[in-house]
C-alpha atoms as a PDB file:
ATOM      1  CA  MET A   1       0.000   0.000   0.000  1.00  0.00           C
ATOM      2  CA  SER A   2       1.475   3.390  -1.016  1.00  0.00           C
ATOM      3  CA  GLU A   3       2.007   6.098   1.590  1.00  0.00           C
ATOM      4  CA  SER A   4      -0.667   8.300   0.022  1.00  0.00           C
ATOM      5  CA  LYS A   5      -3.243   5.485   0.086  1.00  0.00           C
ATOM      6  CA  THR A   6      -2.189   4.531   3.586  1.00  0.00           C
ATOM      7  CA  PHE A   7      -2.778   8.002   4.933  1.00  0.00           C
ATOM      8  CA  LYS A   8      -6.041   8.266   3.011  1.00  0.00           C
ATOM      9  CA  THR A   9      -7.171   5.210   4.959  1.00  0.00           C
ATOM     10  CA  LEU A  10      -5.766   6.747   8.115  1.00  0.00           C
ATOM     11  CA  ARG A  11      -7.702   9.954   7.584  1.00  0.00           C
ATOM     12  CA  GLN A  12     -10.865   7.970   6.958  1.00  0.00           C
ATOM     13  CA  SER A  13     -10.509   6.157  10.254  1.00  0.00           C
ATOM     14  CA  LEU A  14      -9.915   9.409  12.092  1.00  0.00           C
ATOM     15  CA  LEU A  15     -13.093  10.762  10.513  1.00  0.00           C
ATOM     16  CA  ILE A  16     -15.078   8.306  12.604  1.00  0.00           C
ATOM     17  CA  ALA A  17     -14.364  10.421  15.643  1.00  0.00           C
ATOM     18  CA  VAL A  18     -14.113  13.965  14.306  1.00  0.00           C
ATOM     19  CA  THR A  19     -15.062  14.543  10.690  1.00  0.00           C
ATOM     20  CA  SER A  20     -18.788  14.399  11.251  1.00  0.00           C
ATOM     21  CA  ALA A  21     -18.238  17.713  12.986  1.00  0.00           C
ATOM     22  CA  THR A  22     -16.316  19.229  10.090  1.00  0.00           C
ATOM     23  CA  PHE A  23     -18.971  17.921   7.732  1.00  0.00           C
ATOM     24  CA  LEU A  24     -21.495  19.996   9.633  1.00  0.00           C
ATOM     25  CA  VAL A  25     -19.835  23.214   8.585  1.00  0.00           C
ATOM     26  CA  GLY A  26     -19.869  22.457   4.882  1.00  0.00           C
ATOM     27  CA  CYS A  27     -17.880  20.055   2.775  1.00  0.00           C
ATOM     28  CA  GLY A  28     -18.385  21.402  -0.725  1.00  0.00           C
ATOM     29  CA  GLN A  29     -16.322  23.888  -2.698  1.00  0.00           C
ATOM     30  CA  GLN A  30     -19.118  26.315  -3.518  1.00  0.00           C
ATOM     31  CA  ASP A  31     -17.548  28.753  -1.087  1.00  0.00           C
ATOM     32  CA  THR A  32     -14.428  29.031  -3.291  1.00  0.00           C
ATOM     33  CA  MET A  33     -15.921  28.648  -6.781  1.00  0.00           C
ATOM     34  CA  SER A  34     -16.863  31.789  -8.688  1.00  0.00           C
ATOM     35  CA  THR A  35     -20.527  32.539  -9.284  1.00  0.00           C
ATOM     36  CA  SER A  36     -20.105  32.025 -13.023  1.00  0.00           C
ATOM     37  CA  ASP A  37     -18.485  28.612 -12.463  1.00  0.00           C
ATOM     38  CA  ILE A  38     -21.291  27.480 -10.149  1.00  0.00           C
ATOM     39  CA  VAL A  39     -23.949  28.732 -12.546  1.00  0.00           C
ATOM     40  CA  SER A  40     -22.209  27.138 -15.527  1.00  0.00           C
ATOM     41  CA  GLU A  41     -21.896  23.791 -13.761  1.00  0.00           C
ATOM     42  CA  THR A  42     -25.522  23.863 -12.587  1.00  0.00           C
ATOM     43  CA  SER A  43     -26.789  25.014 -15.980  1.00  0.00           C
ATOM     44  CA  SER A  44     -24.960  22.174 -17.690  1.00  0.00           C
ATOM     45  CA  THR A  45     -26.379  19.607 -15.255  1.00  0.00           C
ATOM     46  CA  LEU A  46     -29.973  20.867 -15.210  1.00  0.00           C
ATOM     47  CA  ASP A  47     -30.168  22.544 -18.629  1.00  0.00           C
ATOM     48  CA  LEU A  48     -31.225  25.934 -17.249  1.00  0.00           C
ATOM     49  CA  ASN A  49     -32.779  28.506 -19.576  1.00  0.00           C
ATOM     50  CA  ASP A  50     -31.580  32.132 -19.724  1.00  0.00           C
ATOM     51  CA  LEU A  51     -34.047  33.373 -17.093  1.00  0.00           C
ATOM     52  CA  GLN A  52     -33.118  30.538 -14.733  1.00  0.00           C
ATOM     53  CA  THR A  53     -29.434  31.186 -15.298  1.00  0.00           C
ATOM     54  CA  ARG A  54     -29.832  34.817 -14.227  1.00  0.00           C
ATOM     55  CA  GLU A  55     -31.909  33.807 -11.219  1.00  0.00           C
ATOM     56  CA  MET A  56     -29.332  31.170 -10.311  1.00  0.00           C
ATOM     57  CA  ALA A  57     -26.615  33.821 -10.308  1.00  0.00           C
ATOM     58  CA  ARG A  58     -28.728  35.963  -7.974  1.00  0.00           C
ATOM     59  CA  VAL A  59     -29.329  33.045  -5.589  1.00  0.00           C
ATOM     60  CA  VAL A  60     -25.630  32.156  -5.526  1.00  0.00           C
ATOM     61  CA  ASP A  61     -24.573  35.754  -4.859  1.00  0.00           C
ATOM     62  CA  THR A  62     -27.125  35.959  -2.047  1.00  0.00           C
ATOM     63  CA  ALA A  63     -25.873  32.704  -0.533  1.00  0.00           C
ATOM     64  CA  ARG A  64     -22.177  33.497  -0.898  1.00  0.00           C
ATOM     65  CA  PRO A  65     -21.838  35.260   2.478  1.00  0.00           C
ATOM     66  CA  GLU A  66     -23.194  32.115   4.122  1.00  0.00           C
ATOM     67  CA  PHE A  67     -20.697  29.945   2.258  1.00  0.00           C
ATOM     68  CA  LYS A  68     -17.898  32.227   3.428  1.00  0.00           C
ATOM     69  CA  ILE A  69     -18.983  31.972   7.046  1.00  0.00           C
ATOM     70  CA  LEU A  70     -19.282  28.192   6.841  1.00  0.00           C
ATOM     71  CA  LYS A  71     -15.822  28.002   5.292  1.00  0.00           C
ATOM     72  CA  GLU A  72     -14.365  30.056   8.138  1.00  0.00           C
ATOM     73  CA  LEU A  73     -16.080  27.883  10.743  1.00  0.00           C
ATOM     74  CA  ARG A  74     -14.765  24.749   9.050  1.00  0.00           C
ATOM     75  CA  ALA A  75     -11.223  26.147   8.999  1.00  0.00           C
ATOM     76  CA  GLN A  76     -11.410  27.100  12.673  1.00  0.00           C
ATOM     77  CA  LEU A  77     -12.568  23.636  13.660  1.00  0.00           C
ATOM     78  CA  ARG A  78      -9.845  21.982  11.609  1.00  0.00           C
ATOM     79  CA  GLU A  79      -7.166  24.085  13.278  1.00  0.00           C
ATOM     80  CA  GLU A  80      -8.544  23.185  16.693  1.00  0.00           C
ATOM     81  CA  ILE A  81      -8.571  19.494  15.781  1.00  0.00           C
ATOM     82  CA  ILE A  82      -4.930  19.653  14.689  1.00  0.00           C
ATOM     83  CA  THR A  83      -3.972  21.466  17.876  1.00  0.00           C
ATOM     84  CA  GLN A  84      -5.858  19.038  20.108  1.00  0.00           C
ATOM     85  CA  MET A  85      -4.345  16.041  18.336  1.00  0.00           C
ATOM     86  CA  GLN A  86      -0.814  17.218  19.150  1.00  0.00           C
ATOM     87  CA  GLU A  87      -1.483  17.873  22.840  1.00  0.00           C
ATOM     88  CA  ASP A  88       0.028  15.511  25.410  1.00  0.00           C
ATOM     89  CA  SER A  89      -3.474  14.865  26.704  1.00  0.00           C
ATOM     90  CA  VAL A  90      -7.022  15.992  25.955  1.00  0.00           C
ATOM     91  CA  ASP A  91     -10.105  16.319  28.104  1.00  0.00           C
ATOM     92  CA  VAL A  92     -13.309  14.898  26.670  1.00  0.00           C
ATOM     93  CA  LEU A  93     -15.319  17.806  28.090  1.00  0.00           C
ATOM     94  CA  ASP A  94     -13.059  20.305  26.329  1.00  0.00           C
ATOM     95  CA  VAL A  95     -13.403  18.451  23.014  1.00  0.00           C
ATOM     96  CA  ASN A  96     -17.159  18.275  23.423  1.00  0.00           C
ATOM     97  CA  ALA A  97     -17.322  21.990  24.230  1.00  0.00           C
ATOM     98  CA  LEU A  98     -15.318  22.709  21.072  1.00  0.00           C
ATOM     99  CA  LEU A  99     -17.733  20.718  18.923  1.00  0.00           C
ATOM    100  CA  GLU A 100     -20.762  22.239  20.650  1.00  0.00           C
ATOM    101  CA  ALA A 101     -19.517  25.788  20.080  1.00  0.00           C
ATOM    102  CA  ASN A 102     -18.754  25.148  16.435  1.00  0.00           C
ATOM    103  CA  TRP A 103     -22.083  23.517  15.714  1.00  0.00           C
ATOM    104  CA  ALA A 104     -23.969  26.212  17.612  1.00  0.00           C
ATOM    105  CA  SER A 105     -22.405  28.721  15.240  1.00  0.00           C
ATOM    106  CA  VAL A 106     -23.693  26.696  12.307  1.00  0.00           C
ATOM    107  CA  HIS A 107     -27.170  26.543  13.839  1.00  0.00           C
ATOM    108  CA  THR A 108     -27.488  30.323  13.683  1.00  0.00           C
ATOM    109  CA  ARG A 109     -27.085  30.094   9.890  1.00  0.00           C
ATOM    110  CA  LEU A 110     -29.982  27.653   9.372  1.00  0.00           C
ATOM    111  CA  PRO A 111     -32.656  30.268   8.523  1.00  0.00           C
ATOM    112  CA  GLU A 112     -30.479  31.672   5.744  1.00  0.00           C
ATOM    113  CA  LEU A 113     -29.664  28.194   4.433  1.00  0.00           C
ATOM    114  CA  ALA A 114     -33.371  27.291   4.439  1.00  0.00           C
ATOM    115  CA  GLN A 115     -34.111  30.428   2.427  1.00  0.00           C
ATOM    116  CA  ASN A 116     -31.354  29.566  -0.054  1.00  0.00           C
ATOM    117  CA  PHE A 117     -32.850  26.105  -0.531  1.00  0.00           C
ATOM    118  CA  THR A 118     -36.333  27.552  -1.018  1.00  0.00           C
ATOM    119  CA  ASP A 119     -35.172  30.143  -3.548  1.00  0.00           C
ATOM    120  CA  PHE A 120     -33.294  27.493  -5.509  1.00  0.00           C
ATOM    121  CA  HIS A 121     -36.308  25.166  -5.466  1.00  0.00           C
ATOM    122  CA  THR A 122     -38.625  27.909  -6.755  1.00  0.00           C
ATOM    123  CA  MET A 123     -36.598  28.590  -9.883  1.00  0.00           C
ATOM    124  CA  LEU A 124     -36.561  24.964 -11.089  1.00  0.00           C
ATOM    125  CA  THR A 125     -39.067  23.009 -13.145  1.00  0.00           C
ATOM    126  CA  PRO A 126     -40.437  19.675 -11.848  1.00  0.00           C
ATOM    127  CA  GLU A 127     -38.179  17.802 -14.284  1.00  0.00           C
ATOM    128  CA  GLN A 128     -35.121  19.712 -13.105  1.00  0.00           C
ATOM    129  CA  ARG A 129     -35.981  19.035  -9.460  1.00  0.00           C
ATOM    130  CA  ILE A 130     -36.170  15.321 -10.199  1.00  0.00           C
ATOM    131  CA  LYS A 131     -32.752  15.464 -11.832  1.00  0.00           C
ATOM    132  CA  LEU A 132     -31.367  17.452  -8.901  1.00  0.00           C
ATOM    133  CA  LYS A 133     -32.746  14.918  -6.425  1.00  0.00           C
ATOM    134  CA  GLU A 134     -30.950  12.173  -8.350  1.00  0.00           C
ATOM    135  CA  GLN A 135     -27.708  14.171  -8.244  1.00  0.00           C
ATOM    136  CA  MET A 136     -28.093  14.758  -4.504  1.00  0.00           C
ATOM    137  CA  SER A 137     -28.617  11.046  -3.955  1.00  0.00           C
ATOM    138  CA  LYS A 138     -25.526  10.124  -5.977  1.00  0.00           C
ATOM    139  CA  GLY A 139     -23.545  12.759  -4.111  1.00  0.00           C
ATOM    140  CA  TRP A 140     -24.325  11.177  -0.775  1.00  0.00           C
ATOM    141  CA  GLU A 141     -23.457   7.694  -2.019  1.00  0.00           C
ATOM    142  CA  SER A 142     -20.000   8.941  -3.067  1.00  0.00           C
ATOM    143  CA  ASN A 143     -19.474  10.969   0.098  1.00  0.00           C
ATOM    144  CA  HIS A 144     -16.519   9.905   2.255  1.00  0.00           C
ATOM    145  CA  LEU A 145     -18.775   9.366   5.277  1.00  0.00           C
ATOM    146  CA  ALA A 146     -20.984   6.968   3.338  1.00  0.00           C
ATOM    147  CA  ARG A 147     -17.944   5.117   1.999  1.00  0.00           C
ATOM    148  CA  LEU A 148     -16.512   4.934   5.483  1.00  0.00           C
ATOM    149  CA  GLU A 149     -19.669   3.276   6.778  1.00  0.00           C
ATOM    150  CA  SER A 150     -19.089   0.371   4.397  1.00  0.00           C
ATOM    151  CA  SER A 151     -15.333   0.100   5.011  1.00  0.00           C
ATOM    152  CA  ASN A 152     -14.058  -3.043   6.669  1.00  0.00           C
ATOM    153  CA  THR A 153     -12.689  -2.380  10.168  1.00  0.00           C
ATOM    154  CA  SER A 154      -9.716  -4.698   9.731  1.00  0.00           C
ATOM    155  CA  ARG A 155      -8.764  -2.929   6.508  1.00  0.00           C
ATOM    156  CA  ILE A 156      -8.868   0.461   8.201  1.00  0.00           C
ATOM    157  CA  VAL A 157      -6.741  -0.751  11.113  1.00  0.00           C
ATOM    158  CA  PHE A 158      -4.310  -2.436   8.727  1.00  0.00           C
ATOM    159  CA  GLY A 159      -3.730   0.837   6.888  1.00  0.00           C
ATOM    160  CA  MET A 160      -3.271   2.718  10.132  1.00  0.00           C
ATOM    161  CA  SER A 161      -0.848   0.124  11.420  1.00  0.00           C
ATOM    162  CA  ILE A 162       1.361   0.492   8.364  1.00  0.00           C
ATOM    163  CA  ALA A 163       1.241   4.281   8.520  1.00  0.00           C
ATOM    164  CA  LEU A 164       1.935   4.600  12.243  1.00  0.00           C
ATOM    165  CA  ASP A 165       3.708   1.360  13.081  1.00  0.00           C
ATOM    166  CA  LEU A 166       1.046   0.386  15.604  1.00  0.00           C
ATOM    167  CA  ASP A 167       1.828  -2.386  18.055  1.00  0.00           C
ATOM    168  CA  ASN A 168      -0.533  -5.289  18.645  1.00  0.00           C
ATOM    169  CA  THR A 169      -2.175  -3.660  21.636  1.00  0.00           C
ATOM    170  CA  GLN A 170      -2.874  -0.462  19.712  1.00  0.00           C
ATOM    171  CA  GLU A 171      -4.334  -2.422  16.811  1.00  0.00           C
ATOM    172  CA  GLU A 172      -6.700  -4.228  19.163  1.00  0.00           C
ATOM    173  CA  GLU A 173      -7.720  -1.033  20.989  1.00  0.00           C
ATOM    174  CA  ILE A 174      -8.402   0.872  17.765  1.00  0.00           C
ATOM    175  CA  THR A 175     -10.386  -2.061  16.367  1.00  0.00           C
ATOM    176  CA  ASN A 176     -12.553  -2.079  19.485  1.00  0.00           C
ATOM    177  CA  LEU A 177     -12.964   1.707  19.319  1.00  0.00           C
ATOM    178  CA  ILE A 178     -14.094   1.693  15.691  1.00  0.00           C
ATOM    179  CA  ASN A 179     -16.550  -1.130  16.305  1.00  0.00           C
ATOM    180  CA  THR A 180     -17.941   0.603  19.386  1.00  0.00           C
ATOM    181  CA  LEU A 181     -18.424   3.899  17.586  1.00  0.00           C
ATOM    182  CA  ARG A 182     -20.118   2.169  14.681  1.00  0.00           C
ATOM    183  CA  SER A 183     -22.440   0.288  16.978  1.00  0.00           C
ATOM    184  CA  LYS A 184     -23.441   3.393  18.922  1.00  0.00           C
ATOM    185  CA  SER A 185     -23.862   5.428  15.740  1.00  0.00           C
ATOM    186  CA  GLU A 186     -26.235   3.027  14.012  1.00  0.00           C
ATOM    187  CA  GLY A 187     -29.355   4.705  15.391  1.00  0.00           C
ATOM    188  CA  PHE A 188     -28.118   8.120  14.285  1.00  0.00           C
ATOM    189  CA  ARG A 189     -27.365   6.791  10.833  1.00  0.00           C
ATOM    190  CA  GLU A 190     -30.885   5.446  10.378  1.00  0.00           C
ATOM    191  CA  ARG A 191     -32.432   8.749  11.456  1.00  0.00           C
ATOM    192  CA  HIS A 192     -30.147  10.704   9.135  1.00  0.00           C
ATOM    193  CA  ILE A 193     -31.170   8.502   6.223  1.00  0.00           C
ATOM    194  CA  GLY A 194     -34.806   9.231   7.058  1.00  0.00           C
ATOM    195  CA  LEU A 195     -34.135  12.950   7.168  1.00  0.00           C
ATOM    196  CA  ARG A 196     -32.365  12.846   3.797  1.00  0.00           C
ATOM    197  CA  GLU A 197     -35.419  11.173   2.337  1.00  0.00           C
ATOM    198  CA  GLU A 198     -37.561  13.999   3.722  1.00  0.00           C
ATOM    199  CA  MET A 199     -35.288  16.549   2.061  1.00  0.00           C
ATOM    200  CA  TYR A 200     -35.599  14.629  -1.198  1.00  0.00           C
ATOM    201  CA  GLU A 201     -39.379  14.755  -0.866  1.00  0.00           C
ATOM    202  CA  GLN A 202     -39.182  18.499  -0.290  1.00  0.00           C
ATOM    203  CA  MET A 203     -37.138  18.869  -3.451  1.00  0.00           C
ATOM    204  CA  LEU A 204     -39.781  17.029  -5.481  1.00  0.00           C
ATOM    205  CA  GLN A 205     -42.723  19.089  -4.176  1.00  0.00           C
ATOM    206  CA  ASP A 206     -44.383  21.626  -6.472  1.00  0.00           C
ATOM    207  CA  SER A 207     -43.674  24.260  -3.812  1.00  0.00           C
ATOM    208  CA  VAL A 208     -41.890  24.408  -0.478  1.00  0.00           C
ATOM    209  CA  ASN A 209     -42.320  26.535   2.610  1.00  0.00           C
ATOM    210  CA  VAL A 210     -39.159  28.037   4.027  1.00  0.00           C
ATOM    211  CA  GLU A 211     -40.353  27.357   7.588  1.00  0.00           C
ATOM    212  CA  ASP A 212     -40.818  23.676   6.777  1.00  0.00           C
ATOM    213  CA  VAL A 213     -37.286  23.496   5.400  1.00  0.00           C
ATOM    214  CA  LYS A 214     -35.913  25.253   8.461  1.00  0.00           C
ATOM    215  CA  ALA A 215     -37.779  22.792  10.687  1.00  0.00           C
ATOM    216  CA  LEU A 216     -36.100  19.884   8.888  1.00  0.00           C
ATOM    217  CA  LEU A 217     -32.693  21.505   9.321  1.00  0.00           C
ATOM    218  CA  ASP A 218     -33.459  22.036  13.009  1.00  0.00           C
ATOM    219  CA  ILE A 219     -34.160  18.327  13.340  1.00  0.00           C
ATOM    220  CA  ARG A 220     -30.804  17.620  11.733  1.00  0.00           C
ATOM    221  CA  TRP A 221     -29.174  20.038  14.158  1.00  0.00           C
ATOM    222  CA  SER A 222     -30.718  18.301  17.152  1.00  0.00           C
ATOM    223  CA  GLU A 223     -29.706  14.859  15.884  1.00  0.00           C
ATOM    224  CA  VAL A 224     -26.092  15.868  15.378  1.00  0.00           C
ATOM    225  CA  GLN A 225     -25.901  17.783  18.632  1.00  0.00           C
ATOM    226  CA  SER A 226     -26.940  14.653  20.513  1.00  0.00           C
ATOM    227  CA  LYS A 227     -24.108  12.798  18.789  1.00  0.00           C
ATOM    228  CA  LEU A 228     -21.363  15.259  19.750  1.00  0.00           C
ATOM    229  CA  PRO A 229     -20.529  13.620  23.124  1.00  0.00           C
ATOM    230  CA  LEU A 230     -19.959  10.327  21.295  1.00  0.00           C
ATOM    231  CA  LEU A 231     -17.669  12.042  18.782  1.00  0.00           C
ATOM    232  CA  ALA A 232     -15.792  13.799  21.566  1.00  0.00           C
ATOM    233  CA  GLN A 233     -15.301  10.547  23.467  1.00  0.00           C
ATOM    234  CA  GLY A 234     -14.182   8.763  20.317  1.00  0.00           C
ATOM    235  CA  PHE A 235     -11.622  11.455  19.571  1.00  0.00           C
ATOM    236  CA  THR A 236     -10.352  11.382  23.167  1.00  0.00           C
ATOM    237  CA  ASP A 237     -10.048   7.593  23.212  1.00  0.00           C
ATOM    238  CA  PHE A 238      -8.259   7.617  19.860  1.00  0.00           C
ATOM    239  CA  HIS A 239      -5.863  10.301  21.131  1.00  0.00           C
ATOM    240  CA  THR A 240      -5.102   8.233  24.252  1.00  0.00           C
ATOM    241  CA  ILE A 241      -4.272   5.100  22.291  1.00  0.00           C
ATOM    242  CA  LEU A 242      -1.554   6.771  20.208  1.00  0.00           C
ATOM    243  CA  THR A 243       1.913   7.917  21.188  1.00  0.00           C
ATOM    244  CA  GLN A 244       2.918  11.554  20.940  1.00  0.00           C
ATOM    245  CA  GLU A 245       4.952  10.840  17.825  1.00  0.00           C
ATOM    246  CA  GLN A 246       2.011   9.133  16.161  1.00  0.00           C
ATOM    247  CA  ARG A 247      -0.329  11.999  17.028  1.00  0.00           C
ATOM    248  CA  VAL A 248       2.074  14.562  15.596  1.00  0.00           C
ATOM    249  CA  LYS A 249       2.368  12.531  12.413  1.00  0.00           C
ATOM    250  CA  ILE A 250      -1.407  12.410  11.992  1.00  0.00           C
ATOM    251  CA  ALA A 251      -1.740  16.139  12.669  1.00  0.00           C
ATOM    252  CA  GLU A 252       0.922  16.974  10.099  1.00  0.00           C
ATOM    253  CA  LYS A 253      -0.703  14.791   7.450  1.00  0.00           C
ATOM    254  CA  LEU A 254      -4.148  16.240   8.140  1.00  0.00           C
ATOM    255  CA  LYS A 255      -2.859  19.796   7.896  1.00  0.00           C
ATOM    256  CA  LYS A 256      -1.013  19.040   4.671  1.00  0.00           C
ATOM    257  CA  LYS A 257      -4.106  17.423   3.185  1.00  0.00           C
ATOM    258  CA  TRP A 258      -6.458  20.263   4.191  1.00  0.00           C
ATOM    259  CA  ASP A 259      -4.017  22.957   3.035  1.00  0.00           C
ATOM    260  CA  SER A 260      -3.622  21.158  -0.287  1.00  0.00           C
ATOM    261  CA  GLY A 261      -7.393  20.953  -0.654  1.00  0.00           C
ATOM    262  CA  ASN A 262      -7.762  24.681  -0.020  1.00  0.00           C
ATOM    263  CA  ARG A 263      -5.120  25.532  -2.613  1.00  0.00           C
ATOM    264  CA  GLY A 264      -6.706  23.207  -5.140  1.00  0.00           C
ATOM    265  CA  SER A 265     -10.154  24.732  -4.699  1.00  0.00           C
ATOM    266  CA  ARG A 266      -8.770  28.202  -5.367  1.00  0.00           C
ATOM    267  CA  GLN A 267      -7.261  27.230  -8.693  1.00  0.00           C
END
């Protein structure tokens, strides 16, 4: 296994404990793409007419401040994660407070995000909404969190062991941690799938009410908030299992990966 593939597997395993939180503050690149690029990409996918193209540009420009804020929140959380990972020790309450504060900041943006969704829905035809729903569904299936859910635990641990030279005890402890987190997360996963289906149904409606969309996002917020203690505990347990050298190595690789992603999205 190459070093790049090894650390990709390593990052995926670390996501079990922390990346759900970063996912909450946006994982797309719309915050760095130009309006014309977003409109062009959307127009090509949905075959927008001239009037829709102009309206799409207006919606994107209106939403751009929200994308910028979400990007900043994501960057702040990533920096905190890197810092925490390199500490000699971490306190689960401190990690949980970090996640709570970050997600609370996202929650204040929900009304604006609901309005963005509603405006976008209004400009599309029924046929285009069906196509968009299909694209949304494919996007989730290819998302790293969805792929991670189907990853074999032994394969994840094997990749981590190669990357960090884990001893037998560490391999066993990380295996148990991953399995425990997966088991405890199963209920959340089922509820999130149900909520996605509700969002799909909203997309296919002839019209949507912004308050209904906001209510769905609020449900999502509550679901994720209830999961934060589990994520914080998972991160803390993972931190405890590793040596200082191993934690520094992970932090450096994460920072390099995230910095590379930011540079790539600006090109």
